[in-house]
Amino acid sequence: MKRDRHGKIIELIGQYAIETQEELADKLNEAGFRVTQATVSRDIRELKLTKMTVGGKQRYVVVRENSHQMGERYIGILKEGFVSMDMAQNILVIKTVAGMAMAVGAALDALHWQEIVGCIAGDDTVFCAVRTVDDTSLVMDKLRRMMRN
């Protein structure tokens, strides 16, 4: 449940300019997660979210760290949301659990793999632009190994 909620939080802050814990709690409640402000406060701490000024307004963002702990969180989100993948030349198409594509895309971006240029996410599909066809195969191999562990 917590992992699902954390994935949803990452998705929500990527989709909306959320300025307060109350706004985040409201969005989570609308999405079916019954949370209190105290739970949201703990989640923000655990996910190491920070406020940043974007377009003149404060909003929550994911802190981009290279720490092992954050890497493990992103891997957990990938494992939780991942369903399947296929390649179309240098585009990696990842199917996810419904509603998890944005979180999976954000997690892939946060891992900072040099092969991935960027990700675009819908509801249950992530398109990853990969530098080359060979790199696409490498990324798929990395993801397969990650899913097995």
Protein backbone atom coordinates (compact mmCIF):
# COMPACT_ATOMS: atom_id res chain seq x y z
CA MET A 1 0.00 0.00 0.00
CA LYS A 2 2.77 2.41 0.96
CA ARG A 3 4.71 1.68 -2.24
CA ASP A 4 1.56 2.27 -4.31
CA ARG A 5 0.92 5.52 -2.46
CA HIS A 6 4.50 6.66 -2.97
CA GLY A 7 4.23 5.90 -6.68
CA LYS A 8 0.99 7.88 -6.84
CA ILE A 9 2.60 10.82 -5.03
CA ILE A 10 5.42 10.95 -7.58
CA GLU A 11 2.85 10.77 -10.35
CA LEU A 12 0.70 13.52 -8.83
CA ILE A 13 3.52 15.99 -8.23
CA GLY A 14 4.64 15.41 -11.81
CA GLN A 15 1.14 16.08 -13.11
CA TYR A 16 -0.02 18.93 -10.85
CA ALA A 17 1.64 21.97 -9.28
CA ILE A 18 0.98 20.85 -5.71
CA GLU A 19 1.96 23.52 -3.19
CA THR A 20 0.79 22.13 0.17
CA GLN A 21 0.49 18.88 2.07
CA GLU A 22 -3.25 19.44 2.21
CA GLU A 23 -3.48 19.68 -1.59
CA LEU A 24 -1.48 16.47 -1.91
CA ALA A 25 -3.70 14.73 0.66
CA ASP A 26 -6.81 15.86 -1.27
CA LYS A 27 -5.41 14.51 -4.57
CA LEU A 28 -4.48 11.20 -2.91
CA ASN A 29 -7.95 10.90 -1.37
CA GLU A 30 -9.52 11.62 -4.79
CA ALA A 31 -7.35 8.82 -6.20
CA GLY A 32 -8.70 6.38 -3.60
CA PHE A 33 -5.90 6.53 -1.02
CA ARG A 34 -7.34 7.33 2.41
CA VAL A 35 -4.63 9.47 4.01
CA THR A 36 -4.25 12.08 6.71
CA GLN A 37 -2.00 15.13 6.62
CA ALA A 38 0.37 13.31 9.04
CA THR A 39 0.70 10.39 6.60
CA VAL A 40 1.41 12.78 3.73
CA SER A 41 4.02 14.56 5.86
CA ARG A 42 5.81 11.24 6.52
CA ASP A 43 5.59 10.29 2.84
CA ILE A 44 7.11 13.63 1.81
CA ARG A 45 10.00 13.04 4.23
CA GLU A 46 10.52 9.43 3.09
CA LEU A 47 10.43 10.36 -0.60
CA LYS A 48 12.71 13.33 0.13
CA LEU A 49 10.43 15.71 -1.72
CA THR A 50 11.29 19.38 -1.60
CA LYS A 51 9.56 22.59 -2.61
CA MET A 52 10.89 24.45 -5.58
CA THR A 53 9.79 27.64 -7.31
CA VAL A 54 8.45 26.81 -10.76
CA GLY A 55 6.73 29.51 -12.79
CA GLY A 56 6.63 31.84 -9.80
CA LYS A 57 4.85 29.30 -7.57
CA GLN A 58 6.16 26.84 -5.00
CA ARG A 59 5.54 23.17 -5.74
CA TYR A 60 6.75 19.79 -4.54
CA VAL A 61 9.42 18.08 -6.64
CA VAL A 62 11.47 14.90 -6.32
CA VAL A 63 15.00 15.56 -5.09
CA ARG A 64 17.37 14.11 -7.66
CA GLU A 65 19.88 12.13 -5.61
CA ASN A 66 22.31 9.48 -6.66
CA SER A 67 22.15 7.74 -3.30
CA HIS A 68 21.67 4.00 -3.09
CA GLN A 69 18.56 4.45 -0.92
CA MET A 70 16.77 6.60 -3.50
CA GLY A 71 17.83 4.20 -6.25
CA GLU A 72 16.17 1.39 -4.30
CA ARG A 73 12.94 3.42 -4.01
CA TYR A 74 12.86 4.01 -7.76
CA ILE A 75 13.56 0.35 -8.44
CA GLY A 76 10.68 -0.56 -6.12
CA ILE A 77 8.34 1.72 -8.07
CA LEU A 78 9.52 0.16 -11.34
CA LYS A 79 8.92 -3.36 -10.02
CA GLU A 80 5.50 -2.43 -8.66
CA GLY A 81 4.24 -0.81 -11.86
CA PHE A 82 5.99 -2.81 -14.59
CA VAL A 83 3.92 -5.21 -16.72
CA SER A 84 5.87 -5.71 -19.97
CA MET A 85 8.12 -4.02 -22.50
CA ASP A 86 8.87 -4.06 -26.22
CA MET A 87 11.08 -2.07 -28.51
CA ALA A 88 10.43 -0.15 -31.69
CA GLN A 89 13.90 0.76 -32.96
CA ASN A 90 15.27 3.17 -30.34
CA ILE A 91 11.92 3.63 -28.57
CA LEU A 92 11.33 1.40 -25.56
CA VAL A 93 7.62 0.91 -24.89
CA ILE A 94 6.84 -0.12 -21.31
CA LYS A 95 3.36 -1.26 -20.30
CA THR A 96 2.46 -0.62 -16.67
CA VAL A 97 -0.30 -1.24 -14.19
CA ALA A 98 -3.12 1.26 -14.90
CA GLY A 99 -2.29 4.65 -13.43
CA MET A 100 1.39 3.87 -12.78
CA ALA A 101 2.99 5.00 -16.07
CA MET A 102 3.90 8.49 -14.84
CA ALA A 103 5.53 7.09 -11.69
CA VAL A 104 7.45 4.46 -13.69
CA GLY A 105 8.58 7.10 -16.21
CA ALA A 106 9.69 9.42 -13.40
CA ALA A 107 11.56 6.55 -11.74
CA LEU A 108 13.36 5.70 -14.99
CA ASP A 109 14.30 9.35 -15.47
CA ALA A 110 15.53 9.56 -11.88
CA LEU A 111 17.87 6.61 -12.35
CA HIS A 112 19.84 8.75 -14.84
CA TRP A 113 20.79 5.89 -17.14
CA GLN A 114 22.97 7.36 -19.88
CA GLU A 115 21.17 5.34 -22.57
CA ILE A 116 17.78 6.96 -21.86
CA VAL A 117 17.25 10.43 -23.29
CA GLY A 118 13.82 10.87 -21.68
CA CYS A 119 10.40 9.36 -21.04
CA ILE A 120 6.82 10.28 -21.92
CA ALA A 121 4.06 8.62 -19.90
CA GLY A 122 0.34 8.16 -20.29
CA ASP A 123 -1.89 6.12 -17.99
CA ASP A 124 -0.47 2.64 -18.57
CA THR A 125 2.27 3.17 -21.17
CA VAL A 126 5.71 4.78 -21.06
CA PHE A 127 7.66 5.69 -24.20
CA CYS A 128 11.39 5.94 -23.52
CA ALA A 129 13.54 7.62 -26.12
CA VAL A 130 16.81 5.71 -26.12
CA ARG A 131 19.99 6.91 -27.83
CA THR A 132 20.45 3.94 -30.18
CA VAL A 133 18.88 0.61 -31.10
CA ASP A 134 21.78 -1.18 -29.37
CA ASP A 135 21.22 0.93 -26.25
CA THR A 136 17.55 -0.06 -26.29
CA SER A 137 18.57 -3.72 -26.03
CA LEU A 138 20.94 -2.83 -23.16
CA VAL A 139 18.19 -0.98 -21.28
CA MET A 140 15.83 -3.93 -21.77
CA ASP A 141 18.49 -6.28 -20.36
CA LYS A 142 19.02 -3.98 -17.35
CA LEU A 143 15.28 -3.89 -16.70
CA ARG A 144 14.94 -7.68 -17.01
CA ARG A 145 17.75 -8.18 -14.46
CA MET A 146 16.17 -5.59 -12.17
CA MET A 147 12.77 -7.34 -12.30
CA ARG A 148 14.36 -10.69 -11.40
CA ASN A 149 16.14 -9.38 -8.29
